[in-house]
Amino acid sequence: MPYGIVAYQEEDHDNLVDIWYDAVVHTHTFLAKMNIQFYHDMVKNGVLKISRDLGNRFYYL
């Protein structure tokens, strides 16, 4: 099975959020849980979708 980088797809959203969350919890131990939850809510509720709508460019909020 070949692997590669693909553009964001809506059907992958929940899995991508889970991967992001697990990575942050395990690598950003300097953040308070409330900070992680704040960003988790942002990511879960649309930051990836906004990126897609802007042509998959990276923007910092």
Protein backbone atom coordinates (compact mmCIF):
# COMPACT_ATOMS: atom_id res chain seq x y z
CA MET A 1 0.00 0.00 0.00
CA PRO A 2 1.63 3.29 -1.07
CA TYR A 3 1.73 6.17 1.40
CA GLY A 4 1.89 9.84 0.65
CA ILE A 5 0.73 13.27 1.65
CA VAL A 6 -2.82 14.07 0.67
CA ALA A 7 -4.95 17.18 1.06
CA TYR A 8 -7.36 17.46 3.96
CA GLN A 9 -10.57 15.51 3.45
CA GLU A 10 -13.68 16.02 5.56
CA GLU A 11 -14.17 12.32 6.25
CA ASP A 12 -10.76 12.23 7.97
CA HIS A 13 -11.47 15.15 10.30
CA ASP A 14 -12.22 13.24 13.51
CA ASN A 15 -9.23 10.93 13.07
CA LEU A 16 -6.91 13.87 12.40
CA VAL A 17 -8.16 15.65 15.52
CA ASP A 18 -7.54 12.51 17.58
CA ILE A 19 -4.00 12.19 16.21
CA TRP A 20 -3.30 15.87 16.88
CA TYR A 21 -4.67 15.65 20.43
CA ASP A 22 -2.65 12.54 21.32
CA ALA A 23 0.52 14.13 19.95
CA VAL A 24 0.01 17.36 21.89
CA VAL A 25 -0.82 15.61 25.18
CA HIS A 26 2.33 13.50 24.94
CA THR A 27 4.76 16.18 23.72
CA HIS A 28 3.55 19.47 25.19
CA THR A 29 3.80 18.61 28.86
CA PHE A 30 4.57 22.27 29.63
CA LEU A 31 0.99 23.27 28.76
CA ALA A 32 -1.82 23.27 31.32
CA LYS A 33 -4.72 20.93 30.58
CA MET A 34 -7.03 23.92 30.12
CA ASN A 35 -4.72 25.30 27.40
CA ILE A 36 -4.70 21.96 25.58
CA GLN A 37 -8.49 21.82 25.84
CA PHE A 38 -8.76 25.36 24.42
CA TYR A 39 -6.77 24.43 21.32
CA HIS A 40 -8.47 21.03 21.06
CA ASP A 41 -11.82 22.81 20.78
CA MET A 42 -10.44 25.12 18.09
CA VAL A 43 -9.03 22.24 16.07
CA LYS A 44 -12.12 20.10 16.53
CA ASN A 45 -14.46 22.90 15.51
CA GLY A 46 -12.86 24.12 12.37
CA VAL A 47 -9.24 25.26 12.20
CA LEU A 48 -8.48 22.46 9.72
CA LYS A 49 -11.58 23.34 7.71
CA ILE A 50 -10.55 27.00 7.57
CA SER A 51 -7.14 25.96 6.26
CA ARG A 52 -8.77 23.90 3.53
CA ASP A 53 -11.07 26.75 2.53
CA LEU A 54 -8.08 29.06 2.20
CA GLY A 55 -6.40 26.74 -0.29
CA ASN A 56 -4.43 24.56 2.16
CA ARG A 57 -2.12 27.41 3.03
CA PHE A 58 -0.86 27.57 6.58
CA TYR A 59 -2.07 30.49 8.65
CA TYR A 60 -1.29 31.21 12.25
CA LEU A 61 -4.18 32.33 14.42
